[in-house]
């Protein structure tokens, strides 16, 4: 929505970053599912180039910086920076082992700065208004604002930008208006399809990176998906593993094999086949994926699985041991 609504703030932020680091070329990598963003960015880049804000002698200065849009085929794993670099180079998007870090050896083997749209879009306002202006929004180490996407079974869905620090309950109940179905909220997933599921008991959690980490959660890209009391959390855990299995680039074994085996284990739990033993296998598998995967796709998949298992054990028929862990 930032690229569609104000593409010039992204162009300005990238140009500043390019000049600051000595880079002369910038790429905006956009998934093919966002044609309006692609069209808006391409049109804005053309306008900026005609106006002398891109190309040789940016704004009449001694610096040169130009940009172009590259469209990806839609692989989720290309949200990981090194997979994105491979895709930009025309290869299949696969995670690279690190080191070397992209800052040392990135796109086409050159030192590369990689940031998301929100980071680059924040640069012009910080330079214009000063660091203190940006710092005074938020709490703790989480500063500035975040565009939060409210979706799922929610009365008032959409994009809501606010400073860090608002609680999860305020976002869901006050801003979102509760569920669209009118039934009680049972679970909220924060951070995208690989974010943790939080029950209402954790709605006092501030929207803050450290606060969510302390409760085994993720803020991720700021997506919030709401579920009412008809949701089956065992099936949601299965969905996360299935999603990972489909989207895995296949580079590392924990993600490639672990997600597929995880789907099978959850299916056995749902069918009540040696349930306690299979829950133990699922926990062990998630631990292996979390610490053994090359990137966050496999490393984050355990978050929705383990949070569902921990906070909603009744859907798995879990033993009291797991309920005590809550």
C-alpha atoms as a PDB file:
ATOM      1  CA  UNK A   1       0.000   0.000   0.000  1.00  0.00           C
ATOM      2  CA  UNK A   2       2.949   2.333   0.581  1.00  0.00           C
ATOM      3  CA  UNK A   3       4.250   1.636  -2.921  1.00  0.00           C
ATOM      4  CA  UNK A   4       0.814   2.169  -4.432  1.00  0.00           C
ATOM      5  CA  UNK A   5      -0.026   5.242  -2.337  1.00  0.00           C
ATOM      6  CA  UNK A   6       3.312   7.068  -2.016  1.00  0.00           C
ATOM      7  CA  UNK A   7       6.004   5.451  -4.178  1.00  0.00           C
ATOM      8  CA  UNK A   8       8.167   8.572  -4.039  1.00  0.00           C
ATOM      9  CA  UNK A   9       8.921   8.138  -0.328  1.00  0.00           C
ATOM     10  CA  UNK A  10      10.446   4.739  -1.154  1.00  0.00           C
ATOM     11  CA  UNK A  11      12.406   6.190  -4.077  1.00  0.00           C
ATOM     12  CA  UNK A  12      13.741   9.000  -1.911  1.00  0.00           C
ATOM     13  CA  UNK A  13      14.682   6.615   0.901  1.00  0.00           C
ATOM     14  CA  UNK A  14      16.518   4.275  -1.466  1.00  0.00           C
ATOM     15  CA  UNK A  15      18.322   7.144  -3.159  1.00  0.00           C
ATOM     16  CA  UNK A  16      19.517   8.423   0.217  1.00  0.00           C
ATOM     17  CA  UNK A  17      20.672   4.916   1.191  1.00  0.00           C
ATOM     18  CA  UNK A  18      22.459   4.530  -2.140  1.00  0.00           C
ATOM     19  CA  UNK A  19      24.281   7.836  -1.800  1.00  0.00           C
ATOM     20  CA  UNK A  20      25.178   7.070   1.837  1.00  0.00           C
ATOM     21  CA  UNK A  21      26.706   3.692   0.972  1.00  0.00           C
ATOM     22  CA  UNK A  22      28.198   4.510  -2.419  1.00  0.00           C
ATOM     23  CA  UNK A  23      25.739   2.341  -4.360  1.00  0.00           C
ATOM     24  CA  UNK A  24      24.688   3.537  -7.797  1.00  0.00           C
ATOM     25  CA  UNK A  25      21.894   1.056  -8.544  1.00  0.00           C
ATOM     26  CA  UNK A  26      18.790   0.024  -6.624  1.00  0.00           C
ATOM     27  CA  UNK A  27      16.259  -2.729  -7.251  1.00  0.00           C
ATOM     28  CA  UNK A  28      12.686  -2.950  -5.987  1.00  0.00           C
ATOM     29  CA  UNK A  29      11.708  -6.616  -5.877  1.00  0.00           C
ATOM     30  CA  UNK A  30       7.922  -7.094  -6.019  1.00  0.00           C
ATOM     31  CA  UNK A  31       5.905 -10.298  -6.181  1.00  0.00           C
ATOM     32  CA  UNK A  32       3.851 -10.756  -9.355  1.00  0.00           C
ATOM     33  CA  UNK A  33       0.677 -10.860  -7.228  1.00  0.00           C
ATOM     34  CA  UNK A  34       0.900  -7.072  -6.777  1.00  0.00           C
ATOM     35  CA  UNK A  35       0.485  -5.628 -10.301  1.00  0.00           C
ATOM     36  CA  UNK A  36      -0.779  -2.256  -9.010  1.00  0.00           C
ATOM     37  CA  UNK A  37       2.358  -1.804  -6.928  1.00  0.00           C
ATOM     38  CA  UNK A  38       4.513  -2.739  -9.923  1.00  0.00           C
ATOM     39  CA  UNK A  39       2.730  -0.212 -12.168  1.00  0.00           C
ATOM     40  CA  UNK A  40       2.860   2.563  -9.543  1.00  0.00           C
ATOM     41  CA  UNK A  41       6.573   2.051  -8.840  1.00  0.00           C
ATOM     42  CA  UNK A  42       7.522   1.925 -12.513  1.00  0.00           C
ATOM     43  CA  UNK A  43       5.563   5.118 -13.238  1.00  0.00           C
ATOM     44  CA  UNK A  44       7.062   6.899 -10.209  1.00  0.00           C
ATOM     45  CA  UNK A  45      10.609   5.877 -11.130  1.00  0.00           C
ATOM     46  CA  UNK A  46      10.074   7.294 -14.619  1.00  0.00           C
ATOM     47  CA  UNK A  47       8.791  10.588 -13.148  1.00  0.00           C
ATOM     48  CA  UNK A  48      11.719  10.784 -10.703  1.00  0.00           C
ATOM     49  CA  UNK A  49      14.187  10.113 -13.499  1.00  0.00           C
ATOM     50  CA  UNK A  50      12.664  12.862 -15.694  1.00  0.00           C
ATOM     51  CA  UNK A  51      12.780  15.247 -12.738  1.00  0.00           C
ATOM     52  CA  UNK A  52      16.481  14.671 -12.167  1.00  0.00           C
ATOM     53  CA  UNK A  53      15.986  12.817  -8.860  1.00  0.00           C
ATOM     54  CA  UNK A  54      17.363   9.580 -10.295  1.00  0.00           C
ATOM     55  CA  UNK A  55      20.126   8.894 -12.796  1.00  0.00           C
ATOM     56  CA  UNK A  56      23.307  10.919 -13.178  1.00  0.00           C
ATOM     57  CA  UNK A  57      23.795  13.927 -10.879  1.00  0.00           C
ATOM     58  CA  UNK A  58      20.877  13.254  -8.529  1.00  0.00           C
ATOM     59  CA  UNK A  59      19.195  16.589  -7.688  1.00  0.00           C
ATOM     60  CA  UNK A  60      22.159  18.371  -9.296  1.00  0.00           C
ATOM     61  CA  UNK A  61      24.675  16.731  -6.938  1.00  0.00           C
ATOM     62  CA  UNK A  62      27.845  14.825  -7.728  1.00  0.00           C
ATOM     63  CA  UNK A  63      26.104  11.515  -6.921  1.00  0.00           C
ATOM     64  CA  UNK A  64      24.522   9.028  -9.323  1.00  0.00           C
ATOM     65  CA  UNK A  65      21.774   6.592  -8.412  1.00  0.00           C
ATOM     66  CA  UNK A  66      19.198   4.820 -10.547  1.00  0.00           C
ATOM     67  CA  UNK A  67      16.481   2.260  -9.845  1.00  0.00           C
ATOM     68  CA  UNK A  68      14.442  -0.425 -11.526  1.00  0.00           C
ATOM     69  CA  UNK A  69      11.612  -2.779 -10.605  1.00  0.00           C
ATOM     70  CA  UNK A  70      12.110  -6.536 -10.787  1.00  0.00           C
ATOM     71  CA  UNK A  71       9.064  -8.807 -10.591  1.00  0.00           C
ATOM     72  CA  UNK A  72       9.349 -12.156  -8.823  1.00  0.00           C
ATOM     73  CA  UNK A  73       7.241 -15.228  -9.531  1.00  0.00           C
ATOM     74  CA  UNK A  74       5.685 -15.264  -6.076  1.00  0.00           C
ATOM     75  CA  UNK A  75       7.817 -17.642  -4.019  1.00  0.00           C
ATOM     76  CA  UNK A  76       7.301 -17.023  -0.297  1.00  0.00           C
ATOM     77  CA  UNK A  77      10.895 -18.023   0.455  1.00  0.00           C
ATOM     78  CA  UNK A  78      12.124 -15.062  -1.599  1.00  0.00           C
ATOM     79  CA  UNK A  79      11.185 -12.903   1.358  1.00  0.00           C
ATOM     80  CA  UNK A  80      14.462 -14.249   2.786  1.00  0.00           C
ATOM     81  CA  UNK A  81      17.169 -11.866   1.614  1.00  0.00           C
ATOM     82  CA  UNK A  82      19.595 -14.341   0.017  1.00  0.00           C
ATOM     83  CA  UNK A  83      16.789 -16.176  -1.824  1.00  0.00           C
ATOM     84  CA  UNK A  84      15.666 -12.783  -3.100  1.00  0.00           C
ATOM     85  CA  UNK A  85      19.199 -12.134  -4.386  1.00  0.00           C
ATOM     86  CA  UNK A  86      19.262 -15.441  -6.261  1.00  0.00           C
ATOM     87  CA  UNK A  87      15.888 -14.617  -7.829  1.00  0.00           C
ATOM     88  CA  UNK A  88      17.130 -11.135  -8.815  1.00  0.00           C
ATOM     89  CA  UNK A  89      20.067 -12.799 -10.540  1.00  0.00           C
ATOM     90  CA  UNK A  90      17.683 -14.904 -12.611  1.00  0.00           C
ATOM     91  CA  UNK A  91      18.188 -18.099 -10.646  1.00  0.00           C
ATOM     92  CA  UNK A  92      15.783 -20.293  -8.727  1.00  0.00           C
ATOM     93  CA  UNK A  93      15.167 -18.633  -5.359  1.00  0.00           C
ATOM     94  CA  UNK A  94      17.198 -20.657  -2.869  1.00  0.00           C
ATOM     95  CA  UNK A  95      18.663 -19.697   0.489  1.00  0.00           C
ATOM     96  CA  UNK A  96      22.410 -19.069   0.538  1.00  0.00           C
ATOM     97  CA  UNK A  97      24.558 -20.168   3.429  1.00  0.00           C
ATOM     98  CA  UNK A  98      25.921 -17.267   5.488  1.00  0.00           C
ATOM     99  CA  UNK A  99      28.651 -16.080   5.729  1.00  0.00           C
ATOM    100  CA  UNK A 100      29.351 -14.316   3.469  1.00  0.00           C
ATOM    101  CA  UNK A 101      26.717 -11.776   4.425  1.00  0.00           C
ATOM    102  CA  UNK A 102      25.060  -9.764   1.619  1.00  0.00           C
ATOM    103  CA  UNK A 103      26.763  -6.620   2.967  1.00  0.00           C
ATOM    104  CA  UNK A 104      30.057  -8.257   1.965  1.00  0.00           C
ATOM    105  CA  UNK A 105      29.020 -10.344  -1.045  1.00  0.00           C
ATOM    106  CA  UNK A 106      25.463  -9.879  -2.243  1.00  0.00           C
ATOM    107  CA  UNK A 107      23.850  -9.208  -5.619  1.00  0.00           C
ATOM    108  CA  UNK A 108      26.157 -10.317  -8.451  1.00  0.00           C
ATOM    109  CA  UNK A 109      28.866 -10.802  -5.837  1.00  0.00           C
ATOM    110  CA  UNK A 110      28.878  -7.111  -4.908  1.00  0.00           C
ATOM    111  CA  UNK A 111      28.326  -5.594  -1.425  1.00  0.00           C
ATOM    112  CA  UNK A 112      24.567  -5.083  -1.129  1.00  0.00           C
ATOM    113  CA  UNK A 113      22.231  -3.199   1.209  1.00  0.00           C
ATOM    114  CA  UNK A 114      18.897  -5.032   1.654  1.00  0.00           C
ATOM    115  CA  UNK A 115      15.992  -3.528   3.567  1.00  0.00           C
ATOM    116  CA  UNK A 116      12.226  -3.747   3.386  1.00  0.00           C
ATOM    117  CA  UNK A 117       9.932  -1.010   2.132  1.00  0.00           C
ATOM    118  CA  UNK A 118       9.093   0.223   5.639  1.00  0.00           C
ATOM    119  CA  UNK A 119      12.742   0.795   6.518  1.00  0.00           C
ATOM    120  CA  UNK A 120      13.566   2.763   3.375  1.00  0.00           C
ATOM    121  CA  UNK A 121      10.314   4.731   3.596  1.00  0.00           C
ATOM    122  CA  UNK A 122      11.254   5.845   7.128  1.00  0.00           C
ATOM    123  CA  UNK A 123      14.568   7.375   6.053  1.00  0.00           C
ATOM    124  CA  UNK A 124      13.274  10.658   4.520  1.00  0.00           C
ATOM    125  CA  UNK A 125      11.085  11.545   7.532  1.00  0.00           C
ATOM    126  CA  UNK A 126      13.943  10.836   9.967  1.00  0.00           C
ATOM    127  CA  UNK A 127      16.328  13.079   8.024  1.00  0.00           C
ATOM    128  CA  UNK A 128      13.658  15.762   7.639  1.00  0.00           C
ATOM    129  CA  UNK A 129      12.276  15.783  11.202  1.00  0.00           C
ATOM    130  CA  UNK A 130      15.288  14.433  13.108  1.00  0.00           C
ATOM    131  CA  UNK A 131      15.997  11.231  15.000  1.00  0.00           C
ATOM    132  CA  UNK A 132      14.192  12.435  18.136  1.00  0.00           C
ATOM    133  CA  UNK A 133      10.927  12.824  16.199  1.00  0.00           C
ATOM    134  CA  UNK A 134      11.060   9.166  15.116  1.00  0.00           C
ATOM    135  CA  UNK A 135      12.345   7.963  18.501  1.00  0.00           C
ATOM    136  CA  UNK A 136       9.445   9.544  20.387  1.00  0.00           C
ATOM    137  CA  UNK A 137       7.022   7.094  18.771  1.00  0.00           C
ATOM    138  CA  UNK A 138       6.993   3.622  20.307  1.00  0.00           C
ATOM    139  CA  UNK A 139       8.406   1.999  23.427  1.00  0.00           C
ATOM    140  CA  UNK A 140      11.581   0.256  24.613  1.00  0.00           C
ATOM    141  CA  UNK A 141      13.792  -0.625  21.662  1.00  0.00           C
ATOM    142  CA  UNK A 142      10.845  -0.667  19.217  1.00  0.00           C
ATOM    143  CA  UNK A 143      10.648   2.854  17.842  1.00  0.00           C
ATOM    144  CA  UNK A 144       8.681   4.531  15.096  1.00  0.00           C
ATOM    145  CA  UNK A 145       5.357   3.386  13.701  1.00  0.00           C
ATOM    146  CA  UNK A 146       4.143   0.133  12.147  1.00  0.00           C
ATOM    147  CA  UNK A 147       1.412  -0.416   9.537  1.00  0.00           C
ATOM    148  CA  UNK A 148      -0.590  -3.280  11.074  1.00  0.00           C
ATOM    149  CA  UNK A 149      -2.833  -5.419   8.889  1.00  0.00           C
ATOM    150  CA  UNK A 150      -6.061  -6.555  10.576  1.00  0.00           C
ATOM    151  CA  UNK A 151      -7.592  -9.547   8.804  1.00  0.00           C
ATOM    152  CA  UNK A 152      -9.439 -12.813   9.263  1.00  0.00           C
ATOM    153  CA  UNK A 153     -12.683 -13.012  11.247  1.00  0.00           C
ATOM    154  CA  UNK A 154     -12.668  -9.352  12.279  1.00  0.00           C
ATOM    155  CA  UNK A 155     -15.341  -6.685  12.126  1.00  0.00           C
ATOM    156  CA  UNK A 156     -13.163  -3.795  10.939  1.00  0.00           C
ATOM    157  CA  UNK A 157     -10.367  -5.187   8.791  1.00  0.00           C
ATOM    158  CA  UNK A 158      -7.752  -3.120   7.013  1.00  0.00           C
ATOM    159  CA  UNK A 159      -4.477  -1.293   7.558  1.00  0.00           C
ATOM    160  CA  UNK A 160      -3.892   0.613  10.799  1.00  0.00           C
ATOM    161  CA  UNK A 161      -0.647   2.531  11.328  1.00  0.00           C
ATOM    162  CA  UNK A 162       0.296   3.280  14.914  1.00  0.00           C
ATOM    163  CA  UNK A 163       3.297   3.598  17.194  1.00  0.00           C
ATOM    164  CA  UNK A 164       4.707   0.490  18.863  1.00  0.00           C
ATOM    165  CA  UNK A 165       3.310  -0.094  22.346  1.00  0.00           C
ATOM    166  CA  UNK A 166      -0.421  -0.499  21.752  1.00  0.00           C
ATOM    167  CA  UNK A 167      -1.607  -3.817  23.200  1.00  0.00           C
ATOM    168  CA  UNK A 168      -2.800  -6.772  21.152  1.00  0.00           C
ATOM    169  CA  UNK A 169      -6.182  -6.553  22.872  1.00  0.00           C
ATOM    170  CA  UNK A 170      -6.611  -2.900  21.907  1.00  0.00           C
ATOM    171  CA  UNK A 171      -5.827  -3.735  18.290  1.00  0.00           C
ATOM    172  CA  UNK A 172      -8.267  -6.644  18.110  1.00  0.00           C
ATOM    173  CA  UNK A 173     -11.111  -5.387  20.320  1.00  0.00           C
ATOM    174  CA  UNK A 174     -10.988  -1.589  20.092  1.00  0.00           C
ATOM    175  CA  UNK A 175      -9.593  -0.984  16.605  1.00  0.00           C
ATOM    176  CA  UNK A 176     -10.813  -4.178  14.929  1.00  0.00           C
ATOM    177  CA  UNK A 177     -14.125  -4.337  16.798  1.00  0.00           C
ATOM    178  CA  UNK A 178     -13.853  -8.030  17.662  1.00  0.00           C
ATOM    179  CA  UNK A 179     -14.995 -10.823  15.361  1.00  0.00           C
ATOM    180  CA  UNK A 180     -17.205 -10.274  12.363  1.00  0.00           C
ATOM    181  CA  UNK A 181     -19.187 -13.379  13.318  1.00  0.00           C
ATOM    182  CA  UNK A 182     -19.960 -11.915  16.741  1.00  0.00           C
ATOM    183  CA  UNK A 183     -18.562 -15.004  18.445  1.00  0.00           C
ATOM    184  CA  UNK A 184     -15.763 -14.796  21.055  1.00  0.00           C
ATOM    185  CA  UNK A 185     -12.175 -14.378  19.865  1.00  0.00           C
ATOM    186  CA  UNK A 186     -10.300 -17.603  20.542  1.00  0.00           C
ATOM    187  CA  UNK A 187      -6.941 -17.075  18.859  1.00  0.00           C
ATOM    188  CA  UNK A 188      -4.988 -14.370  17.061  1.00  0.00           C
ATOM    189  CA  UNK A 189      -2.044 -15.077  14.778  1.00  0.00           C
ATOM    190  CA  UNK A 190       0.492 -12.270  14.663  1.00  0.00           C
ATOM    191  CA  UNK A 191       3.327 -11.949  12.148  1.00  0.00           C
ATOM    192  CA  UNK A 192       2.103 -13.732   9.038  1.00  0.00           C
ATOM    193  CA  UNK A 193       1.433 -17.407   8.260  1.00  0.00           C
ATOM    194  CA  UNK A 194       4.410 -18.444  10.394  1.00  0.00           C
ATOM    195  CA  UNK A 195       3.548 -16.253  13.372  1.00  0.00           C
ATOM    196  CA  UNK A 196       2.551 -17.617  16.778  1.00  0.00           C
ATOM    197  CA  UNK A 197      -1.059 -18.017  17.897  1.00  0.00           C
ATOM    198  CA  UNK A 198      -1.921 -15.988  20.987  1.00  0.00           C
ATOM    199  CA  UNK A 199      -4.982 -16.708  23.162  1.00  0.00           C
ATOM    200  CA  UNK A 200      -7.016 -13.973  24.832  1.00  0.00           C
ATOM    201  CA  UNK A 201      -4.965 -14.516  28.001  1.00  0.00           C
ATOM    202  CA  UNK A 202      -2.037 -12.841  26.206  1.00  0.00           C
ATOM    203  CA  UNK A 203      -3.983  -9.858  24.851  1.00  0.00           C
ATOM    204  CA  UNK A 204      -2.171  -7.599  27.316  1.00  0.00           C
ATOM    205  CA  UNK A 205       1.034  -8.060  25.274  1.00  0.00           C
ATOM    206  CA  UNK A 206       2.314  -4.699  23.942  1.00  0.00           C
ATOM    207  CA  UNK A 207       2.919  -4.573  20.199  1.00  0.00           C
ATOM    208  CA  UNK A 208       6.680  -4.481  20.687  1.00  0.00           C
ATOM    209  CA  UNK A 209       9.415  -6.758  19.317  1.00  0.00           C
ATOM    210  CA  UNK A 210      10.889  -7.599  22.708  1.00  0.00           C
ATOM    211  CA  UNK A 211       7.507  -8.114  24.383  1.00  0.00           C
ATOM    212  CA  UNK A 212       6.417 -10.590  21.725  1.00  0.00           C
ATOM    213  CA  UNK A 213       9.762 -12.386  21.797  1.00  0.00           C
ATOM    214  CA  UNK A 214       9.453 -12.782  25.575  1.00  0.00           C
ATOM    215  CA  UNK A 215       6.185 -14.655  24.989  1.00  0.00           C
ATOM    216  CA  UNK A 216       7.524 -16.821  22.137  1.00  0.00           C
ATOM    217  CA  UNK A 217       5.836 -14.695  19.491  1.00  0.00           C
ATOM    218  CA  UNK A 218       6.783 -12.666  16.433  1.00  0.00           C
ATOM    219  CA  UNK A 219       5.698  -9.294  15.092  1.00  0.00           C
ATOM    220  CA  UNK A 220       6.990 -10.137  11.611  1.00  0.00           C
ATOM    221  CA  UNK A 221       5.383  -7.937   8.971  1.00  0.00           C
ATOM    222  CA  UNK A 222       2.666  -6.780  11.371  1.00  0.00           C
ATOM    223  CA  UNK A 223      -0.125  -9.007  10.101  1.00  0.00           C
ATOM    224  CA  UNK A 224      -2.873  -9.934  12.581  1.00  0.00           C
ATOM    225  CA  UNK A 225      -5.376 -12.678  11.716  1.00  0.00           C
ATOM    226  CA  UNK A 226      -8.311 -13.214  14.070  1.00  0.00           C
ATOM    227  CA  UNK A 227     -10.144 -16.513  14.699  1.00  0.00           C
ATOM    228  CA  UNK A 228     -13.330 -17.071  16.680  1.00  0.00           C
ATOM    229  CA  UNK A 229     -14.166 -20.022  18.942  1.00  0.00           C
ATOM    230  CA  UNK A 230     -15.066 -22.325  16.044  1.00  0.00           C
ATOM    231  CA  UNK A 231     -11.410 -22.679  14.942  1.00  0.00           C
ATOM    232  CA  UNK A 232      -9.612 -26.001  15.329  1.00  0.00           C
ATOM    233  CA  UNK A 233      -6.048 -25.215  16.371  1.00  0.00           C
ATOM    234  CA  UNK A 234      -4.684 -28.665  15.511  1.00  0.00           C
ATOM    235  CA  UNK A 235      -5.762 -28.036  11.925  1.00  0.00           C
ATOM    236  CA  UNK A 236      -4.131 -24.581  12.048  1.00  0.00           C
ATOM    237  CA  UNK A 237      -0.866 -26.188  13.178  1.00  0.00           C
ATOM    238  CA  UNK A 238      -1.149 -28.639  10.297  1.00  0.00           C
ATOM    239  CA  UNK A 239      -1.701 -25.751   7.887  1.00  0.00           C
ATOM    240  CA  UNK A 240       1.561 -24.092   8.988  1.00  0.00           C
ATOM    241  CA  UNK A 241       3.555 -27.263   8.345  1.00  0.00           C
ATOM    242  CA  UNK A 242       1.808 -27.839   5.011  1.00  0.00           C
ATOM    243  CA  UNK A 243       2.516 -24.240   3.996  1.00  0.00           C
ATOM    244  CA  UNK A 244       6.208 -24.675   4.843  1.00  0.00           C
ATOM    245  CA  UNK A 245       6.404 -27.944   2.926  1.00  0.00           C
ATOM    246  CA  UNK A 246       4.953 -26.297  -0.186  1.00  0.00           C
ATOM    247  CA  UNK A 247       6.996 -23.096   0.027  1.00  0.00           C
ATOM    248  CA  UNK A 248      10.336 -24.612   1.079  1.00  0.00           C
ATOM    249  CA  UNK A 249      13.158 -24.000  -1.384  1.00  0.00           C
ATOM    250  CA  UNK A 250      14.512 -27.469  -0.516  1.00  0.00           C
ATOM    251  CA  UNK A 251      18.020 -26.291   0.313  1.00  0.00           C
ATOM    252  CA  UNK A 252      18.181 -27.642   3.888  1.00  0.00           C
ATOM    253  CA  UNK A 253      16.966 -30.929   5.319  1.00  0.00           C
ATOM    254  CA  UNK A 254      15.182 -29.681   8.490  1.00  0.00           C
ATOM    255  CA  UNK A 255      12.817 -27.512   6.444  1.00  0.00           C
ATOM    256  CA  UNK A 256      12.471 -29.725   3.362  1.00  0.00           C
ATOM    257  CA  UNK A 257      11.890 -33.022   5.189  1.00  0.00           C
ATOM    258  CA  UNK A 258      10.776 -31.731   8.596  1.00  0.00           C
ATOM    259  CA  UNK A 259       7.707 -29.889   7.347  1.00  0.00           C
ATOM    260  CA  UNK A 260       6.470 -32.848   5.301  1.00  0.00           C
ATOM    261  CA  UNK A 261       6.983 -35.254   8.221  1.00  0.00           C
ATOM    262  CA  UNK A 262       5.317 -32.725  10.521  1.00  0.00           C
ATOM    263  CA  UNK A 263       2.115 -32.810   8.467  1.00  0.00           C
ATOM    264  CA  UNK A 264       2.064 -36.599   8.799  1.00  0.00           C
ATOM    265  CA  UNK A 265       2.631 -36.441  12.571  1.00  0.00           C
ATOM    266  CA  UNK A 266      -0.197 -33.916  13.087  1.00  0.00           C
ATOM    267  CA  UNK A 267      -2.491 -36.121  10.986  1.00  0.00           C
ATOM    268  CA  UNK A 268      -1.733 -39.037  13.296  1.00  0.00           C
ATOM    269  CA  UNK A 269      -2.423 -36.864  16.355  1.00  0.00           C
ATOM    270  CA  UNK A 270      -5.772 -35.741  14.918  1.00  0.00           C
ATOM    271  CA  UNK A 271      -6.670 -39.414  14.263  1.00  0.00           C
ATOM    272  CA  UNK A 272      -5.740 -40.241  17.880  1.00  0.00           C
ATOM    273  CA  UNK A 273      -2.966 -42.650  16.835  1.00  0.00           C
ATOM    274  CA  UNK A 274      -0.506 -42.944  19.748  1.00  0.00           C
ATOM    275  CA  UNK A 275      -1.328 -39.325  20.509  1.00  0.00           C
ATOM    276  CA  UNK A 276       1.044 -38.718  23.425  1.00  0.00           C
ATOM    277  CA  UNK A 277       4.017 -40.281  21.602  1.00  0.00           C
ATOM    278  CA  UNK A 278       3.313 -38.329  18.418  1.00  0.00           C
ATOM    279  CA  UNK A 279       3.015 -35.047  20.328  1.00  0.00           C
ATOM    280  CA  UNK A 280       6.485 -35.749  21.708  1.00  0.00           C
ATOM    281  CA  UNK A 281       7.764 -36.418  18.177  1.00  0.00           C
ATOM    282  CA  UNK A 282       6.157 -33.164  16.973  1.00  0.00           C
ATOM    283  CA  UNK A 283       7.869 -31.167  19.727  1.00  0.00           C
ATOM    284  CA  UNK A 284      11.231 -32.709  18.869  1.00  0.00           C
ATOM    285  CA  UNK A 285      10.700 -32.078  15.158  1.00  0.00           C
ATOM    286  CA  UNK A 286       9.842 -28.424  15.793  1.00  0.00           C
ATOM    287  CA  UNK A 287      12.968 -28.016  17.898  1.00  0.00           C
ATOM    288  CA  UNK A 288      15.088 -29.420  15.055  1.00  0.00           C
ATOM    289  CA  UNK A 289      13.450 -27.114  12.492  1.00  0.00           C
ATOM    290  CA  UNK A 290      13.774 -24.036  14.719  1.00  0.00           C
ATOM    291  CA  UNK A 291      17.503 -24.411  15.345  1.00  0.00           C
ATOM    292  CA  UNK A 292      18.621 -26.400  12.308  1.00  0.00           C
ATOM    293  CA  UNK A 293      17.023 -24.635   9.340  1.00  0.00           C
ATOM    294  CA  UNK A 294      19.090 -22.364   7.111  1.00  0.00           C
ATOM    295  CA  UNK A 295      16.549 -19.543   7.127  1.00  0.00           C
ATOM    296  CA  UNK A 296      13.439 -18.248   8.868  1.00  0.00           C
ATOM    297  CA  UNK A 297      11.000 -20.229   6.711  1.00  0.00           C
ATOM    298  CA  UNK A 298      11.887 -23.478   8.446  1.00  0.00           C
ATOM    299  CA  UNK A 299      13.041 -21.725  11.601  1.00  0.00           C
ATOM    300  CA  UNK A 300       9.733 -19.904  12.164  1.00  0.00           C
ATOM    301  CA  UNK A 301       7.330 -22.729  11.222  1.00  0.00           C
ATOM    302  CA  UNK A 302       7.528 -24.125  14.795  1.00  0.00           C
ATOM    303  CA  UNK A 303       6.058 -20.886  16.190  1.00  0.00           C
ATOM    304  CA  UNK A 304       2.454 -21.466  15.025  1.00  0.00           C
ATOM    305  CA  UNK A 305       2.738 -25.211  15.695  1.00  0.00           C
ATOM    306  CA  UNK A 306       4.143 -24.969  19.230  1.00  0.00           C
ATOM    307  CA  UNK A 307       1.960 -22.011  20.234  1.00  0.00           C
ATOM    308  CA  UNK A 308      -1.146 -23.924  19.141  1.00  0.00           C
ATOM    309  CA  UNK A 309       0.070 -26.968  21.065  1.00  0.00           C
ATOM    310  CA  UNK A 310       0.905 -24.925  24.179  1.00  0.00           C
ATOM    311  CA  UNK A 311      -2.087 -22.585  24.403  1.00  0.00           C
ATOM    312  CA  UNK A 312      -4.796 -24.846  22.930  1.00  0.00           C
ATOM    313  CA  UNK A 313      -3.819 -28.353  24.114  1.00  0.00           C
ATOM    314  CA  UNK A 314      -7.415 -29.552  24.160  1.00  0.00           C
ATOM    315  CA  UNK A 315      -7.485 -29.510  20.356  1.00  0.00           C
ATOM    316  CA  UNK A 316      -4.607 -31.981  20.359  1.00  0.00           C
ATOM    317  CA  UNK A 317      -5.850 -34.058  23.263  1.00  0.00           C
ATOM    318  CA  UNK A 318      -2.595 -33.128  24.983  1.00  0.00           C
ATOM    319  CA  UNK A 319      -1.489 -34.408  28.364  1.00  0.00           C
ATOM    320  CA  UNK A 320      -1.623 -32.170  31.494  1.00  0.00           C
ATOM    321  CA  UNK A 321       2.164 -31.674  31.143  1.00  0.00           C
ATOM    322  CA  UNK A 322       1.595 -29.402  28.158  1.00  0.00           C
ATOM    323  CA  UNK A 323      -1.219 -27.515  29.886  1.00  0.00           C
ATOM    324  CA  UNK A 324       1.113 -26.725  32.782  1.00  0.00           C
ATOM    325  CA  UNK A 325       3.627 -25.242  30.334  1.00  0.00           C
ATOM    326  CA  UNK A 326       1.132 -22.484  29.542  1.00  0.00           C
END
